[in-house]
PDB file of N, CA and C in Angstrom:
ATOM      1  N   MET A   1     -21.563   5.877  -5.418  1.00  0.00           N
ATOM      2  CA  MET A   1     -20.814   5.684  -3.814  1.00  0.00           C
ATOM      3  C   MET A   1     -19.700   5.774  -4.785  1.00  0.00           C
ATOM      4  N   PRO A   2     -18.533   6.481  -4.086  1.00  0.00           N
ATOM      5  CA  PRO A   2     -16.969   6.628  -4.604  1.00  0.00           C
ATOM      6  C   PRO A   2     -16.748   4.969  -4.257  1.00  0.00           C
ATOM      7  N   GLU A   3     -15.348   4.918  -5.050  1.00  0.00           N
ATOM      8  CA  GLU A   3     -14.866   3.596  -4.976  1.00  0.00           C
ATOM      9  C   GLU A   3     -13.179   3.913  -4.805  1.00  0.00           C
ATOM     10  N   PHE A   4     -12.590   3.299  -3.937  1.00  0.00           N
ATOM     11  CA  PHE A   4     -11.290   3.568  -3.938  1.00  0.00           C
ATOM     12  C   PHE A   4     -10.373   2.267  -3.905  1.00  0.00           C
ATOM     13  N   ARG A   5      -8.850   2.473  -4.513  1.00  0.00           N
ATOM     14  CA  ARG A   5      -8.060   1.679  -4.378  1.00  0.00           C
ATOM     15  C   ARG A   5      -6.958   2.191  -3.964  1.00  0.00           C
ATOM     16  N   LEU A   6      -5.780   1.426  -3.617  1.00  0.00           N
ATOM     17  CA  LEU A   6      -4.465   1.815  -3.000  1.00  0.00           C
ATOM     18  C   LEU A   6      -3.806   2.419  -4.161  1.00  0.00           C
ATOM     19  N   ASP A   7      -3.041   3.432  -3.519  1.00  0.00           N
ATOM     20  CA  ASP A   7      -2.559   4.381  -5.211  1.00  0.00           C
ATOM     21  C   ASP A   7      -1.122   3.875  -4.676  1.00  0.00           C
ATOM     22  N   VAL A   8      -0.811   3.126  -5.735  1.00  0.00           N
ATOM     23  CA  VAL A   8       0.493   2.244  -5.320  1.00  0.00           C
ATOM     24  C   VAL A   8       1.744   3.218  -5.668  1.00  0.00           C
ATOM     25  N   ASP A   9       1.641   4.274  -6.484  1.00  0.00           N
ATOM     26  CA  ASP A   9       2.642   5.349  -6.504  1.00  0.00           C
ATOM     27  C   ASP A   9       2.914   6.040  -5.161  1.00  0.00           C
ATOM     28  N   ALA A  10       2.438   6.030  -4.551  1.00  0.00           N
ATOM     29  CA  ALA A  10       2.133   6.737  -3.208  1.00  0.00           C
ATOM     30  C   ALA A  10       2.948   6.215  -2.285  1.00  0.00           C
ATOM     31  N   VAL A  11       2.603   4.631  -2.478  1.00  0.00           N
ATOM     32  CA  VAL A  11       3.359   3.222  -1.433  1.00  0.00           C
ATOM     33  C   VAL A  11       4.703   3.488  -2.169  1.00  0.00           C
ATOM     34  N   ARG A  12       4.972   3.395  -3.071  1.00  0.00           N
ATOM     35  CA  ARG A  12       6.293   3.510  -3.482  1.00  0.00           C
ATOM     36  C   ARG A  12       6.984   4.476  -3.234  1.00  0.00           C
ATOM     37  N   ARG A  13       6.598   5.712  -3.348  1.00  0.00           N
ATOM     38  CA  ARG A  13       7.683   7.132  -3.048  1.00  0.00           C
ATOM     39  C   ARG A  13       7.279   7.233  -1.372  1.00  0.00           C
ATOM     40  N   ARG A  14       6.849   6.387  -0.772  1.00  0.00           N
ATOM     41  CA  ARG A  14       6.518   6.275   0.795  1.00  0.00           C
ATOM     42  C   ARG A  14       7.842   5.575   1.007  1.00  0.00           C
ATOM     43  N   ALA A  15       8.122   4.103   0.786  1.00  0.00           N
ATOM     44  CA  ALA A  15       8.726   3.458   0.865  1.00  0.00           C
ATOM     45  C   ALA A  15      10.066   3.594   0.352  1.00  0.00           C
ATOM     46  N   LYS A  16      10.255   4.345  -0.836  1.00  0.00           N
ATOM     47  CA  LYS A  16      11.384   4.821  -1.261  1.00  0.00           C
ATOM     48  C   LYS A  16      12.012   5.983  -0.352  1.00  0.00           C
ATOM     49  N   ARG A  17      11.327   6.725   0.204  1.00  0.00           N
ATOM     50  CA  ARG A  17      11.832   7.716   1.337  1.00  0.00           C
ATOM     51  C   ARG A  17      12.849   6.954   2.115  1.00  0.00           C
ATOM     52  N   ALA A  18      11.773   6.188   2.768  1.00  0.00           N
ATOM     53  CA  ALA A  18      12.138   4.969   3.866  1.00  0.00           C
ATOM     54  C   ALA A  18      13.464   3.954   3.850  1.00  0.00           C
ATOM     55  N   GLY A  19      14.136   4.170   2.386  1.00  0.00           N
ATOM     56  CA  GLY A  19      14.938   3.353   1.889  1.00  0.00           C
ATOM     57  C   GLY A  19      14.507   1.946   1.644  1.00  0.00           C
ATOM     58  N   ASP A  20      13.039   1.815   1.473  1.00  0.00           N
ATOM     59  CA  ASP A  20      12.867  -0.055   1.540  1.00  0.00           C
ATOM     60  C   ASP A  20      12.389   0.011  -0.218  1.00  0.00           C
ATOM     61  N   LEU A  21      13.301  -0.489  -0.875  1.00  0.00           N
ATOM     62  CA  LEU A  21      13.528  -0.215  -2.556  1.00  0.00           C
ATOM     63  C   LEU A  21      12.717  -1.510  -2.861  1.00  0.00           C
ATOM     64  N   THR A  22      12.416  -2.760  -1.921  1.00  0.00           N
ATOM     65  CA  THR A  22      12.153  -3.839  -2.771  1.00  0.00           C
ATOM     66  C   THR A  22      10.857  -4.183  -1.889  1.00  0.00           C
ATOM     67  N   ASP A  23      10.065  -5.090  -2.900  1.00  0.00           N
ATOM     68  CA  ASP A  23       8.720  -5.724  -2.365  1.00  0.00           C
ATOM     69  C   ASP A  23       9.170  -6.202  -0.647  1.00  0.00           C
ATOM     70  N   GLY A  24      10.074  -7.192  -0.358  1.00  0.00           N
ATOM     71  CA  GLY A  24      10.565  -7.621   0.460  1.00  0.00           C
ATOM     72  C   GLY A  24      11.221  -6.708   1.671  1.00  0.00           C
ATOM     73  N   ALA A  25      11.324  -5.777   1.063  1.00  0.00           N
ATOM     74  CA  ALA A  25      11.558  -4.647   2.463  1.00  0.00           C
ATOM     75  C   ALA A  25      10.203  -4.014   2.998  1.00  0.00           C
ATOM     76  N   ILE A  26       9.588  -3.904   2.157  1.00  0.00           N
ATOM     77  CA  ILE A  26       8.354  -2.938   2.411  1.00  0.00           C
ATOM     78  C   ILE A  26       7.355  -4.076   3.388  1.00  0.00           C
ATOM     79  N   ALA A  27       7.747  -4.977   3.039  1.00  0.00           N
ATOM     80  CA  ALA A  27       6.797  -6.700   3.168  1.00  0.00           C
ATOM     81  C   ALA A  27       7.142  -6.859   5.086  1.00  0.00           C
ATOM     82  N   ARG A  28       8.687  -6.726   5.075  1.00  0.00           N
ATOM     83  CA  ARG A  28       9.233  -6.538   6.722  1.00  0.00           C
ATOM     84  C   ARG A  28       8.681  -5.679   7.436  1.00  0.00           C
ATOM     85  N   ARG A  29       8.708  -4.565   6.888  1.00  0.00           N
ATOM     86  CA  ARG A  29       8.222  -3.146   7.669  1.00  0.00           C
ATOM     87  C   ARG A  29       6.937  -3.203   8.154  1.00  0.00           C
ATOM     88  N   VAL A  30       5.888  -3.829   7.090  1.00  0.00           N
ATOM     89  CA  VAL A  30       4.600  -3.296   7.701  1.00  0.00           C
ATOM     90  C   VAL A  30       3.950  -4.845   8.197  1.00  0.00           C
ATOM     91  N   GLY A  31       4.672  -5.817   8.227  1.00  0.00           N
ATOM     92  CA  GLY A  31       4.517  -7.459   8.717  1.00  0.00           C
ATOM     93  C   GLY A  31       3.629  -8.408   7.876  1.00  0.00           C
ATOM     94  N   VAL A  32       3.818  -8.509   6.854  1.00  0.00           N
ATOM     95  CA  VAL A  32       3.347  -9.185   6.124  1.00  0.00           C
ATOM     96  C   VAL A  32       4.060  -9.633   5.052  1.00  0.00           C
ATOM     97  N   GLU A  33       3.339 -10.854   4.258  1.00  0.00           N
ATOM     98  CA  GLU A  33       4.069 -11.466   3.478  1.00  0.00           C
ATOM     99  C   GLU A  33       4.513 -10.673   2.122  1.00  0.00           C
ATOM    100  N   ARG A  34       5.564 -11.172   1.637  1.00  0.00           N
ATOM    101  CA  ARG A  34       6.161 -10.602   0.158  1.00  0.00           C
ATOM    102  C   ARG A  34       5.077 -10.393  -0.677  1.00  0.00           C
ATOM    103  N   THR A  35       4.833 -11.741  -0.909  1.00  0.00           N
ATOM    104  CA  THR A  35       3.913 -11.996  -1.904  1.00  0.00           C
ATOM    105  C   THR A  35       2.386 -11.051  -1.603  1.00  0.00           C
ATOM    106  N   THR A  36       2.217 -10.604  -0.514  1.00  0.00           N
ATOM    107  CA  THR A  36       0.903  -9.826  -0.420  1.00  0.00           C
ATOM    108  C   THR A  36       1.499  -8.488  -0.955  1.00  0.00           C
ATOM    109  N   ILE A  37       2.551  -7.802  -0.446  1.00  0.00           N
ATOM    110  CA  ILE A  37       2.760  -6.649  -1.208  1.00  0.00           C
ATOM    111  C   ILE A  37       3.256  -6.666  -2.945  1.00  0.00           C
ATOM    112  N   SER A  38       3.427  -7.924  -3.038  1.00  0.00           N
ATOM    113  CA  SER A  38       3.811  -8.109  -4.675  1.00  0.00           C
ATOM    114  C   SER A  38       2.288  -7.819  -5.380  1.00  0.00           C
ATOM    115  N   ARG A  39       1.294  -8.715  -4.865  1.00  0.00           N
ATOM    116  CA  ARG A  39       0.075  -8.375  -5.485  1.00  0.00           C
ATOM    117  C   ARG A  39      -0.697  -7.350  -5.404  1.00  0.00           C
ATOM    118  N   LEU A  40      -0.534  -6.615  -4.281  1.00  0.00           N
ATOM    119  CA  LEU A  40      -1.090  -5.043  -4.248  1.00  0.00           C
ATOM    120  C   LEU A  40      -0.158  -4.375  -5.159  1.00  0.00           C
ATOM    121  N   MET A  41       1.160  -4.234  -5.339  1.00  0.00           N
ATOM    122  CA  MET A  41       1.838  -3.671  -5.995  1.00  0.00           C
ATOM    123  C   MET A  41       1.607  -3.699  -7.536  1.00  0.00           C
ATOM    124  N   SER A  42       1.346  -4.728  -7.648  1.00  0.00           N
ATOM    125  CA  SER A  42       0.901  -5.364  -9.300  1.00  0.00           C
ATOM    126  C   SER A  42      -0.457  -5.126  -9.304  1.00  0.00           C
ATOM    127  N   ASP A  43      -1.342  -4.723  -8.642  1.00  0.00           N
ATOM    128  CA  ASP A  43      -2.855  -4.560  -8.836  1.00  0.00           C
ATOM    129  C   ASP A  43      -3.377  -5.805  -9.047  1.00  0.00           C
ATOM    130  N   ARG A  44      -2.861  -6.858  -8.547  1.00  0.00           N
ATOM    131  CA  ARG A  44      -3.717  -8.209  -8.369  1.00  0.00           C
ATOM    132  C   ARG A  44      -4.972  -8.348  -7.659  1.00  0.00           C
ATOM    133  N   THR A  45      -4.867  -7.591  -6.497  1.00  0.00           N
ATOM    134  CA  THR A  45      -5.546  -7.617  -5.152  1.00  0.00           C
ATOM    135  C   THR A  45      -5.906  -6.326  -4.416  1.00  0.00           C
ATOM    136  N   ALA A  46      -6.934  -6.398  -3.834  1.00  0.00           N
ATOM    137  CA  ALA A  46      -7.098  -5.257  -3.559  1.00  0.00           C
ATOM    138  C   ALA A  46      -6.490  -5.560  -1.748  1.00  0.00           C
ATOM    139  N   PRO A  47      -6.444  -4.348  -1.098  1.00  0.00           N
ATOM    140  CA  PRO A  47      -5.651  -4.642   0.292  1.00  0.00           C
ATOM    141  C   PRO A  47      -6.784  -5.029   0.995  1.00  0.00           C
ATOM    142  N   SER A  48      -6.670  -5.613   2.350  1.00  0.00           N
ATOM    143  CA  SER A  48      -7.722  -5.264   2.993  1.00  0.00           C
ATOM    144  C   SER A  48      -7.459  -4.225   4.024  1.00  0.00           C
ATOM    145  N   LEU A  49      -8.560  -3.831   5.002  1.00  0.00           N
ATOM    146  CA  LEU A  49      -8.302  -2.153   5.640  1.00  0.00           C
ATOM    147  C   LEU A  49      -7.132  -2.620   6.420  1.00  0.00           C
ATOM    148  N   ARG A  50      -7.237  -3.830   7.125  1.00  0.00           N
ATOM    149  CA  ARG A  50      -6.032  -4.250   7.900  1.00  0.00           C
ATOM    150  C   ARG A  50      -4.800  -3.869   7.337  1.00  0.00           C
ATOM    151  N   THR A  51      -4.584  -4.179   6.016  1.00  0.00           N
ATOM    152  CA  THR A  51      -3.245  -3.897   5.498  1.00  0.00           C
ATOM    153  C   THR A  51      -2.937  -2.511   5.351  1.00  0.00           C
ATOM    154  N   VAL A  52      -3.971  -1.693   4.734  1.00  0.00           N
ATOM    155  CA  VAL A  52      -4.173  -0.016   4.544  1.00  0.00           C
ATOM    156  C   VAL A  52      -3.415   0.570   5.833  1.00  0.00           C
ATOM    157  N   VAL A  53      -3.988  -0.014   6.782  1.00  0.00           N
ATOM    158  CA  VAL A  53      -3.713   0.746   8.344  1.00  0.00           C
ATOM    159  C   VAL A  53      -2.317   0.266   8.495  1.00  0.00           C
ATOM    160  N   LEU A  54      -1.384  -0.916   8.371  1.00  0.00           N
ATOM    161  CA  LEU A  54      -0.329  -1.420   8.671  1.00  0.00           C
ATOM    162  C   LEU A  54       0.568  -0.456   7.906  1.00  0.00           C
ATOM    163  N   LEU A  55       0.389  -0.272   6.315  1.00  0.00           N
ATOM    164  CA  LEU A  55       1.081   0.485   5.689  1.00  0.00           C
ATOM    165  C   LEU A  55       1.069   2.038   5.886  1.00  0.00           C
ATOM    166  N   GLY A  56      -0.102   2.543   6.410  1.00  0.00           N
ATOM    167  CA  GLY A  56      -0.069   3.728   7.229  1.00  0.00           C
ATOM    168  C   GLY A  56       0.789   4.238   8.246  1.00  0.00           C
ATOM    169  N   ARG A  57       0.912   3.035   9.007  1.00  0.00           N
ATOM    170  CA  ARG A  57       1.322   3.241   9.944  1.00  0.00           C
ATOM    171  C   ARG A  57       2.924   2.859  10.216  1.00  0.00           C
ATOM    172  N   ALA A  58       3.298   1.914   9.171  1.00  0.00           N
ATOM    173  CA  ALA A  58       4.782   1.657   8.559  1.00  0.00           C
ATOM    174  C   ALA A  58       5.679   3.121   8.231  1.00  0.00           C
ATOM    175  N   TYR A  59       4.683   3.831   7.397  1.00  0.00           N
ATOM    176  CA  TYR A  59       5.057   4.944   6.767  1.00  0.00           C
ATOM    177  C   TYR A  59       4.370   6.196   7.166  1.00  0.00           C
ATOM    178  N   SER A  60       4.085   6.213   8.374  1.00  0.00           N
ATOM    179  CA  SER A  60       3.368   7.446   9.099  1.00  0.00           C
ATOM    180  C   SER A  60       2.519   8.061   8.273  1.00  0.00           C
ATOM    181  N   VAL A  61       1.750   7.933   7.950  1.00  0.00           N
ATOM    182  CA  VAL A  61       1.007   8.621   6.933  1.00  0.00           C
ATOM    183  C   VAL A  61      -0.774   7.662   7.029  1.00  0.00           C
ATOM    184  N   THR A  62      -1.361   8.577   6.742  1.00  0.00           N
ATOM    185  CA  THR A  62      -3.140   7.874   7.208  1.00  0.00           C
ATOM    186  C   THR A  62      -3.194   7.234   6.030  1.00  0.00           C
ATOM    187  N   VAL A  63      -4.180   6.731   6.520  1.00  0.00           N
ATOM    188  CA  VAL A  63      -5.162   5.582   5.117  1.00  0.00           C
ATOM    189  C   VAL A  63      -5.758   6.510   3.891  1.00  0.00           C
ATOM    190  N   GLU A  64      -5.891   7.927   3.924  1.00  0.00           N
ATOM    191  CA  GLU A  64      -6.506   8.314   3.209  1.00  0.00           C
ATOM    192  C   GLU A  64      -5.132   8.691   2.376  1.00  0.00           C
ATOM    193  N   ASP A  65      -4.150   9.068   2.746  1.00  0.00           N
ATOM    194  CA  ASP A  65      -2.666   9.218   2.097  1.00  0.00           C
ATOM    195  C   ASP A  65      -2.672   8.209   0.915  1.00  0.00           C
ATOM    196  N   LEU A  66      -2.842   7.011   1.401  1.00  0.00           N
ATOM    197  CA  LEU A  66      -2.881   5.735   0.352  1.00  0.00           C
ATOM    198  C   LEU A  66      -3.780   5.029  -0.375  1.00  0.00           C
ATOM    199  N   LEU A  67      -5.020   6.201  -0.244  1.00  0.00           N
ATOM    200  CA  LEU A  67      -5.969   5.296  -1.266  1.00  0.00           C
ATOM    201  C   LEU A  67      -6.099   6.548  -2.297  1.00  0.00           C
ATOM    202  N   MET A  68      -6.491   6.063  -3.002  1.00  0.00           N
ATOM    203  CA  MET A  68      -7.388   7.401  -4.412  1.00  0.00           C
ATOM    204  C   MET A  68      -8.628   6.694  -4.684  1.00  0.00           C
ATOM    205  N   GLU A  69      -9.324   7.460  -5.102  1.00  0.00           N
ATOM    206  CA  GLU A  69     -10.677   7.621  -5.570  1.00  0.00           C
ATOM    207  C   GLU A  69     -10.934   7.108  -7.178  1.00  0.00           C
ATOM    208  N   VAL A  70     -11.500   6.241  -7.151  1.00  0.00           N
ATOM    209  CA  VAL A  70     -11.607   6.046  -8.964  1.00  0.00           C
ATOM    210  C   VAL A  70     -13.126   5.896  -9.481  1.00  0.00           C
ATOM    211  N   GLU A  71     -13.540   6.067 -10.416  1.00  0.00           N
ATOM    212  CA  GLU A  71     -14.737   5.778 -11.001  1.00  0.00           C
ATOM    213  C   GLU A  71     -15.233   4.523 -10.866  1.00  0.00           C
ATOM    214  N   ALA A  72     -16.289   4.364 -10.333  1.00  0.00           N
ATOM    215  CA  ALA A  72     -17.102   3.200 -10.364  1.00  0.00           C
ATOM    216  C   ALA A  72     -17.228   2.437 -11.726  1.00  0.00           C
ATOM    217  N   ALA A  73     -17.079   1.211 -11.310  1.00  0.00           N
ATOM    218  CA  ALA A  73     -17.250   0.679 -12.853  1.00  0.00           C
ATOM    219  C   ALA A  73     -18.471   0.412 -13.470  1.00  0.00           C
TER     220      ALA A  73
END
């Protein structure tokens, strides 16, 4: 079964286009804590489905646009 993880580069590109250059700006737009975004962007934690959906809504993209398939360990 495939595994997926947040495509941090895709999130950063979308955020930059929207003028959100910091984790705090992304967090405000998405409606989550800055520390949540910081942990996601540094790959220290996996996002919940809710967070991925909120990211997609905030940047007008699909969930699929924010995830990437990785090889199972």
